[in-house]
Amino acid sequence: MEKISFEKRNPKEKKAKVLLKEGKTPAVVYNSKTESTPIMIDSSIAKKILKEATSATILDAQLDGKDMKVIVKDIDMNPVTDEIRHISFFEIDETKEMVFSIPFNIVGISPAVKNNLGVLVQVMPSLEVKCKVKDLVPHIEVDVSSLEHPGQTITVSNLQIPENISFVNDEIKNATVVTITEMQEEEVVQTAPEEETAAEGETAEAETPAEGTQEEAKKEE
């Protein structure tokens, strides 16, 4: 993706709705010192970021002539129109380790799924790690071609994690990334023959007048 141009904005001068109508998306960029700068970007670029960038994508940006590298921390969407209302960026300090969320990329075909023995369920969408930006990777591959039966899983400890990338905590090593669950059979409710016969008999009785009623009808005639 091309370098993004950040423009400073004054929230008191123009409201977010006005900016959006003008083709600008409100945003903010934070840094490691917890400082924040209100900015705006072209809405066309915002849509491209939504489509192409992940939480581990390093973006080149420029603000007031200063080059910086940023990642997307949050994108606020309008739940009704799906319009991007606001984006939060974080400026990366390339000299320090930071916490990143790296998405998983599922590759291969599970024999269990191919043979209709089970369903592949992704339990974890991403992995939180610590590393410097130079060691960051766009995703972590999860090869599911070894999953042949329901109940089989792949945990974080089964994956090839690049060097110089560490876990936020050691407990995450035992976390399940994907698993194969058994396929659920659809239950078909069938009426027993005895029940059908009984139901037909009840219908017939309901349609046939009682004998006493028939005799009374003749007397009245």
C-alpha atoms as a PDB file:
ATOM      1  CA  MET A   1       0.000   0.000   0.000  1.00  0.00           C
ATOM      2  CA  GLU A   2       1.214   3.500  -0.846  1.00  0.00           C
ATOM      3  CA  LYS A   3       2.285   5.987   1.823  1.00  0.00           C
ATOM      4  CA  ILE A   4      -0.716   7.444   3.632  1.00  0.00           C
ATOM      5  CA  SER A   5      -1.023  11.180   4.046  1.00  0.00           C
ATOM      6  CA  PHE A   6      -2.182  12.175   7.533  1.00  0.00           C
ATOM      7  CA  GLU A   7      -3.746  15.621   7.850  1.00  0.00           C
ATOM      8  CA  LYS A   8      -4.126  17.251  11.234  1.00  0.00           C
ATOM      9  CA  ARG A   9      -7.686  18.150  12.162  1.00  0.00           C
ATOM     10  CA  ASN A  10      -9.350  20.273  14.810  1.00  0.00           C
ATOM     11  CA  PRO A  11     -12.367  18.390  16.215  1.00  0.00           C
ATOM     12  CA  LYS A  12     -13.845  21.712  17.356  1.00  0.00           C
ATOM     13  CA  GLU A  13     -13.856  23.181  13.861  1.00  0.00           C
ATOM     14  CA  LYS A  14     -15.593  20.393  11.950  1.00  0.00           C
ATOM     15  CA  LYS A  15     -17.688  17.542  13.248  1.00  0.00           C
ATOM     16  CA  ALA A  16     -17.156  13.993  12.062  1.00  0.00           C
ATOM     17  CA  LYS A  17     -20.383  13.980  10.011  1.00  0.00           C
ATOM     18  CA  VAL A  18     -19.241  17.009   8.055  1.00  0.00           C
ATOM     19  CA  LEU A  19     -15.833  15.464   7.321  1.00  0.00           C
ATOM     20  CA  LEU A  20     -17.413  12.227   6.125  1.00  0.00           C
ATOM     21  CA  LYS A  21     -19.631  14.130   3.699  1.00  0.00           C
ATOM     22  CA  GLU A  22     -16.505  15.857   2.379  1.00  0.00           C
ATOM     23  CA  GLY A  23     -14.794  12.526   1.681  1.00  0.00           C
ATOM     24  CA  LYS A  24     -12.558  12.592   4.764  1.00  0.00           C
ATOM     25  CA  THR A  25     -12.473   9.962   7.511  1.00  0.00           C
ATOM     26  CA  PRO A  26     -11.740  11.158  11.082  1.00  0.00           C
ATOM     27  CA  ALA A  27      -8.861   9.346  12.778  1.00  0.00           C
ATOM     28  CA  VAL A  28      -6.321   9.577  15.554  1.00  0.00           C
ATOM     29  CA  VAL A  29      -2.702   8.447  15.863  1.00  0.00           C
ATOM     30  CA  TYR A  30      -1.259   7.417  19.236  1.00  0.00           C
ATOM     31  CA  ASN A  31       2.407   6.977  20.150  1.00  0.00           C
ATOM     32  CA  SER A  32       4.339   5.060  22.808  1.00  0.00           C
ATOM     33  CA  LYS A  33       4.244   8.128  25.077  1.00  0.00           C
ATOM     34  CA  THR A  34       0.413   7.857  25.162  1.00  0.00           C
ATOM     35  CA  GLU A  35       0.178  11.089  23.205  1.00  0.00           C
ATOM     36  CA  SER A  36      -2.600  11.387  20.629  1.00  0.00           C
ATOM     37  CA  THR A  37      -2.976  13.550  17.538  1.00  0.00           C
ATOM     38  CA  PRO A  38      -6.373  14.010  15.828  1.00  0.00           C
ATOM     39  CA  ILE A  39      -5.986  13.485  12.082  1.00  0.00           C
ATOM     40  CA  MET A  40      -8.032  12.726   8.974  1.00  0.00           C
ATOM     41  CA  ILE A  41      -7.419  10.704   5.819  1.00  0.00           C
ATOM     42  CA  ASP A  42      -9.148  10.349   2.466  1.00  0.00           C
ATOM     43  CA  SER A  43     -12.162   8.070   2.789  1.00  0.00           C
ATOM     44  CA  SER A  44     -10.990   6.103  -0.275  1.00  0.00           C
ATOM     45  CA  ILE A  45      -7.771   5.252   1.597  1.00  0.00           C
ATOM     46  CA  ALA A  46      -9.781   4.319   4.691  1.00  0.00           C
ATOM     47  CA  LYS A  47     -11.777   1.799   2.644  1.00  0.00           C
ATOM     48  CA  LYS A  48      -8.569   0.354   1.223  1.00  0.00           C
ATOM     49  CA  ILE A  49      -7.141  -0.032   4.746  1.00  0.00           C
ATOM     50  CA  LEU A  50     -10.302  -1.839   5.852  1.00  0.00           C
ATOM     51  CA  LYS A  51     -10.029  -4.215   2.897  1.00  0.00           C
ATOM     52  CA  GLU A  52      -6.294  -4.921   2.869  1.00  0.00           C
ATOM     53  CA  ALA A  53      -4.758  -4.213   6.294  1.00  0.00           C
ATOM     54  CA  THR A  54      -4.694  -6.532   9.296  1.00  0.00           C
ATOM     55  CA  SER A  55      -3.632  -5.850  12.869  1.00  0.00           C
ATOM     56  CA  ALA A  56      -0.095  -6.872  11.860  1.00  0.00           C
ATOM     57  CA  THR A  57       0.163  -4.782   8.691  1.00  0.00           C
ATOM     58  CA  ILE A  58       2.803  -2.048   8.876  1.00  0.00           C
ATOM     59  CA  LEU A  59       1.667   1.100   7.099  1.00  0.00           C
ATOM     60  CA  ASP A  60       3.908   3.944   5.974  1.00  0.00           C
ATOM     61  CA  ALA A  61       2.465   7.358   6.771  1.00  0.00           C
ATOM     62  CA  GLN A  62       3.474  10.987   6.794  1.00  0.00           C
ATOM     63  CA  LEU A  63       2.312  13.801   9.068  1.00  0.00           C
ATOM     64  CA  ASP A  64       3.602  17.359   8.731  1.00  0.00           C
ATOM     65  CA  GLY A  65       6.549  16.120   6.674  1.00  0.00           C
ATOM     66  CA  LYS A  66       7.492  13.471   9.241  1.00  0.00           C
ATOM     67  CA  ASP A  67       7.647   9.852   8.059  1.00  0.00           C
ATOM     68  CA  MET A  68       6.296   7.228  10.447  1.00  0.00           C
ATOM     69  CA  LYS A  69       5.262   3.614  10.548  1.00  0.00           C
ATOM     70  CA  VAL A  70       1.866   2.809  12.025  1.00  0.00           C
ATOM     71  CA  ILE A  71      -0.492  -0.090  12.574  1.00  0.00           C
ATOM     72  CA  VAL A  72      -4.280  -0.082  12.756  1.00  0.00           C
ATOM     73  CA  LYS A  73      -5.545  -0.486  16.314  1.00  0.00           C
ATOM     74  CA  ASP A  74      -9.274  -0.037  15.760  1.00  0.00           C
ATOM     75  CA  ILE A  75     -11.809   0.738  13.029  1.00  0.00           C
ATOM     76  CA  ASP A  76     -15.209   2.039  14.097  1.00  0.00           C
ATOM     77  CA  MET A  77     -18.033   1.143  11.709  1.00  0.00           C
ATOM     78  CA  ASN A  78     -21.592   2.398  11.446  1.00  0.00           C
ATOM     79  CA  PRO A  79     -23.639  -0.754  12.230  1.00  0.00           C
ATOM     80  CA  VAL A  80     -26.452   0.319   9.903  1.00  0.00           C
ATOM     81  CA  THR A  81     -24.635   1.675   6.823  1.00  0.00           C
ATOM     82  CA  ASP A  82     -21.244  -0.107   7.256  1.00  0.00           C
ATOM     83  CA  GLU A  83     -19.600   3.289   6.773  1.00  0.00           C
ATOM     84  CA  ILE A  84     -16.189   3.796   8.387  1.00  0.00           C
ATOM     85  CA  ARG A  85     -16.708   6.401  11.099  1.00  0.00           C
ATOM     86  CA  HIS A  86     -13.252   6.530  12.699  1.00  0.00           C
ATOM     87  CA  ILE A  87      -9.834   4.823  12.618  1.00  0.00           C
ATOM     88  CA  SER A  88      -7.262   4.600  15.411  1.00  0.00           C
ATOM     89  CA  PHE A  89      -3.595   4.229  14.448  1.00  0.00           C
ATOM     90  CA  PHE A  90      -0.549   3.545  16.611  1.00  0.00           C
ATOM     91  CA  GLU A  91       2.883   4.901  15.763  1.00  0.00           C
ATOM     92  CA  ILE A  92       5.540   2.214  16.027  1.00  0.00           C
ATOM     93  CA  ASP A  93       8.776   2.718  17.908  1.00  0.00           C
ATOM     94  CA  GLU A  94      11.122   0.571  15.818  1.00  0.00           C
ATOM     95  CA  THR A  95      13.718   0.335  18.615  1.00  0.00           C
ATOM     96  CA  LYS A  96      11.414  -1.311  21.161  1.00  0.00           C
ATOM     97  CA  GLU A  97       9.443  -4.522  21.480  1.00  0.00           C
ATOM     98  CA  MET A  98       5.716  -4.087  21.147  1.00  0.00           C
ATOM     99  CA  VAL A  99       2.645  -6.259  21.488  1.00  0.00           C
ATOM    100  CA  PHE A 100       1.135  -7.252  18.156  1.00  0.00           C
ATOM    101  CA  SER A 101      -1.829  -9.393  17.221  1.00  0.00           C
ATOM    102  CA  ILE A 102      -0.819 -11.667  14.319  1.00  0.00           C
ATOM    103  CA  PRO A 103      -3.674 -13.353  12.418  1.00  0.00           C
ATOM    104  CA  PHE A 104      -3.634 -17.067  11.571  1.00  0.00           C
ATOM    105  CA  ASN A 105      -3.740 -18.234   7.964  1.00  0.00           C
ATOM    106  CA  ILE A 106      -5.369 -21.644   7.482  1.00  0.00           C
ATOM    107  CA  VAL A 107      -3.713 -23.704   4.725  1.00  0.00           C
ATOM    108  CA  GLY A 108      -4.183 -27.236   3.433  1.00  0.00           C
ATOM    109  CA  ILE A 109      -7.247 -29.472   3.411  1.00  0.00           C
ATOM    110  CA  SER A 110      -8.263 -31.577   6.386  1.00  0.00           C
ATOM    111  CA  PRO A 111      -8.967 -35.240   5.435  1.00  0.00           C
ATOM    112  CA  ALA A 112     -11.689 -35.275   8.094  1.00  0.00           C
ATOM    113  CA  VAL A 113     -13.489 -32.426   6.343  1.00  0.00           C
ATOM    114  CA  LYS A 114     -12.833 -33.814   2.853  1.00  0.00           C
ATOM    115  CA  ASN A 115     -14.348 -37.189   3.824  1.00  0.00           C
ATOM    116  CA  ASN A 116     -17.312 -35.589   5.626  1.00  0.00           C
ATOM    117  CA  LEU A 117     -16.210 -36.977   8.978  1.00  0.00           C
ATOM    118  CA  GLY A 118     -16.152 -33.650  10.789  1.00  0.00           C
ATOM    119  CA  VAL A 119     -16.195 -29.870  10.659  1.00  0.00           C
ATOM    120  CA  LEU A 120     -13.163 -27.605  10.991  1.00  0.00           C
ATOM    121  CA  VAL A 121     -13.611 -24.979  13.708  1.00  0.00           C
ATOM    122  CA  GLN A 122     -11.151 -22.107  14.149  1.00  0.00           C
ATOM    123  CA  VAL A 123     -11.044 -21.318  17.862  1.00  0.00           C
ATOM    124  CA  MET A 124      -8.443 -18.527  17.765  1.00  0.00           C
ATOM    125  CA  PRO A 125      -8.402 -15.889  14.998  1.00  0.00           C
ATOM    126  CA  SER A 126      -5.024 -14.415  15.965  1.00  0.00           C
ATOM    127  CA  LEU A 127      -2.082 -14.659  18.364  1.00  0.00           C
ATOM    128  CA  GLU A 128      -0.780 -11.903  20.626  1.00  0.00           C
ATOM    129  CA  VAL A 129       3.015 -11.727  20.599  1.00  0.00           C
ATOM    130  CA  LYS A 130       5.886  -9.429  21.533  1.00  0.00           C
ATOM    131  CA  CYS A 131       8.582  -8.431  19.065  1.00  0.00           C
ATOM    132  CA  LYS A 132      10.248  -5.553  17.284  1.00  0.00           C
ATOM    133  CA  VAL A 133       8.685  -4.309  14.094  1.00  0.00           C
ATOM    134  CA  LYS A 134      11.551  -5.706  11.982  1.00  0.00           C
ATOM    135  CA  ASP A 135      10.685  -9.214  13.194  1.00  0.00           C
ATOM    136  CA  LEU A 136       6.933  -8.924  12.657  1.00  0.00           C
ATOM    137  CA  VAL A 137       5.308 -11.289  10.149  1.00  0.00           C
ATOM    138  CA  PRO A 138       1.952 -10.652   8.400  1.00  0.00           C
ATOM    139  CA  HIS A 139       0.437 -13.965   9.518  1.00  0.00           C
ATOM    140  CA  ILE A 140       1.152 -17.382  11.034  1.00  0.00           C
ATOM    141  CA  GLU A 141       0.317 -20.425   8.897  1.00  0.00           C
ATOM    142  CA  VAL A 142      -1.767 -23.265  10.313  1.00  0.00           C
ATOM    143  CA  ASP A 143      -1.575 -26.423   8.162  1.00  0.00           C
ATOM    144  CA  VAL A 144      -4.703 -28.515   8.789  1.00  0.00           C
ATOM    145  CA  SER A 145      -3.807 -31.382   6.402  1.00  0.00           C
ATOM    146  CA  SER A 146      -2.876 -33.578   9.394  1.00  0.00           C
ATOM    147  CA  LEU A 147      -6.374 -33.480  10.925  1.00  0.00           C
ATOM    148  CA  GLU A 148      -7.936 -36.811   9.950  1.00  0.00           C
ATOM    149  CA  HIS A 149     -10.498 -37.482  12.692  1.00  0.00           C
ATOM    150  CA  PRO A 150     -12.967 -35.594  14.913  1.00  0.00           C
ATOM    151  CA  GLY A 151     -11.391 -34.556  18.193  1.00  0.00           C
ATOM    152  CA  GLN A 152      -7.989 -33.758  16.713  1.00  0.00           C
ATOM    153  CA  THR A 153      -6.652 -30.259  17.385  1.00  0.00           C
ATOM    154  CA  ILE A 154      -3.759 -27.965  16.605  1.00  0.00           C
ATOM    155  CA  THR A 155      -2.467 -25.873  19.479  1.00  0.00           C
ATOM    156  CA  VAL A 156      -0.128 -22.895  19.504  1.00  0.00           C
ATOM    157  CA  SER A 157       2.724 -25.173  20.591  1.00  0.00           C
ATOM    158  CA  ASN A 158       2.309 -27.177  17.356  1.00  0.00           C
ATOM    159  CA  LEU A 159       3.023 -24.135  15.186  1.00  0.00           C
ATOM    160  CA  GLN A 160       6.270 -22.837  13.762  1.00  0.00           C
ATOM    161  CA  ILE A 161       6.698 -19.449  15.440  1.00  0.00           C
ATOM    162  CA  PRO A 162       9.421 -17.260  13.863  1.00  0.00           C
ATOM    163  CA  GLU A 163      12.511 -16.464  15.889  1.00  0.00           C
ATOM    164  CA  ASN A 164      12.636 -13.263  17.920  1.00  0.00           C
ATOM    165  CA  ILE A 165       8.878 -13.472  18.454  1.00  0.00           C
ATOM    166  CA  SER A 166       7.767 -14.338  21.980  1.00  0.00           C
ATOM    167  CA  PHE A 167       4.390 -15.031  23.560  1.00  0.00           C
ATOM    168  CA  VAL A 168       2.655 -12.465  25.731  1.00  0.00           C
ATOM    169  CA  ASN A 169       2.270 -15.264  28.301  1.00  0.00           C
ATOM    170  CA  ASP A 170       3.409 -18.899  28.400  1.00  0.00           C
ATOM    171  CA  GLU A 171      -0.107 -20.238  29.008  1.00  0.00           C
ATOM    172  CA  ILE A 172      -1.020 -19.387  25.436  1.00  0.00           C
ATOM    173  CA  LYS A 173       1.173 -22.283  24.227  1.00  0.00           C
ATOM    174  CA  ASN A 174      -1.526 -24.795  25.178  1.00  0.00           C
ATOM    175  CA  ALA A 175      -4.367 -22.844  23.576  1.00  0.00           C
ATOM    176  CA  THR A 176      -6.280 -24.541  20.743  1.00  0.00           C
ATOM    177  CA  VAL A 177      -6.101 -22.808  17.377  1.00  0.00           C
ATOM    178  CA  VAL A 178      -8.270 -25.184  15.302  1.00  0.00           C
ATOM    179  CA  THR A 179     -10.153 -28.396  16.042  1.00  0.00           C
ATOM    180  CA  ILE A 180     -12.285 -30.970  14.238  1.00  0.00           C
ATOM    181  CA  THR A 181     -15.776 -31.482  15.651  1.00  0.00           C
ATOM    182  CA  GLU A 182     -18.185 -34.284  14.767  1.00  0.00           C
ATOM    183  CA  MET A 183     -20.847 -33.542  12.173  1.00  0.00           C
ATOM    184  CA  GLN A 184     -24.326 -33.131  13.606  1.00  0.00           C
ATOM    185  CA  GLU A 185     -26.888 -35.471  12.024  1.00  0.00           C
ATOM    186  CA  GLU A 186     -30.289 -34.004  11.260  1.00  0.00           C
ATOM    187  CA  GLU A 187     -33.077 -35.673  13.231  1.00  0.00           C
ATOM    188  CA  VAL A 188     -36.142 -36.683  11.211  1.00  0.00           C
ATOM    189  CA  VAL A 189     -39.297 -37.103  13.317  1.00  0.00           C
ATOM    190  CA  GLN A 190     -41.464 -39.938  11.942  1.00  0.00           C
ATOM    191  CA  THR A 191     -44.943 -40.832  13.110  1.00  0.00           C
ATOM    192  CA  ALA A 192     -45.281 -44.439  14.289  1.00  0.00           C
ATOM    193  CA  PRO A 193     -47.757 -46.645  12.304  1.00  0.00           C
ATOM    194  CA  GLU A 194     -49.843 -47.240  15.469  1.00  0.00           C
ATOM    195  CA  GLU A 195     -50.144 -43.494  16.016  1.00  0.00           C
ATOM    196  CA  GLU A 196     -51.204 -42.943  12.403  1.00  0.00           C
ATOM    197  CA  THR A 197     -53.909 -45.673  12.674  1.00  0.00           C
ATOM    198  CA  ALA A 198     -55.196 -44.229  15.932  1.00  0.00           C
ATOM    199  CA  ALA A 199     -55.338 -40.768  14.439  1.00  0.00           C
ATOM    200  CA  GLU A 200     -57.298 -42.044  11.416  1.00  0.00           C
ATOM    201  CA  GLY A 201     -59.745 -43.837  13.730  1.00  0.00           C
ATOM    202  CA  GLU A 202     -60.316 -40.683  15.749  1.00  0.00           C
ATOM    203  CA  THR A 203     -61.036 -38.764  12.547  1.00  0.00           C
ATOM    204  CA  ALA A 204     -63.510 -41.371  11.358  1.00  0.00           C
ATOM    205  CA  GLU A 205     -65.355 -41.330  14.696  1.00  0.00           C
ATOM    206  CA  ALA A 206     -65.559 -37.594  14.615  1.00  0.00           C
ATOM    207  CA  GLU A 207     -67.097 -37.609  11.108  1.00  0.00           C
ATOM    208  CA  THR A 208     -69.703 -40.441  11.823  1.00  0.00           C
ATOM    209  CA  PRO A 209     -72.784 -39.342  13.873  1.00  0.00           C
ATOM    210  CA  ALA A 210     -73.629 -41.443  16.925  1.00  0.00           C
ATOM    211  CA  GLU A 211     -76.496 -44.031  16.579  1.00  0.00           C
ATOM    212  CA  GLY A 212     -78.704 -42.206  19.049  1.00  0.00           C
ATOM    213  CA  THR A 213     -78.377 -39.051  17.076  1.00  0.00           C
ATOM    214  CA  GLN A 214     -79.365 -40.817  13.836  1.00  0.00           C
ATOM    215  CA  GLU A 215     -82.559 -42.294  15.393  1.00  0.00           C
ATOM    216  CA  GLU A 216     -83.590 -38.919  16.821  1.00  0.00           C
ATOM    217  CA  ALA A 217     -83.169 -37.388  13.383  1.00  0.00           C
ATOM    218  CA  LYS A 218     -85.534 -39.994  11.813  1.00  0.00           C
ATOM    219  CA  LYS A 219     -88.232 -39.386  14.472  1.00  0.00           C
ATOM    220  CA  GLU A 220     -88.091 -35.666  13.800  1.00  0.00           C
ATOM    221  CA  GLU A 221     -88.642 -36.328  10.073  1.00  0.00           C
END
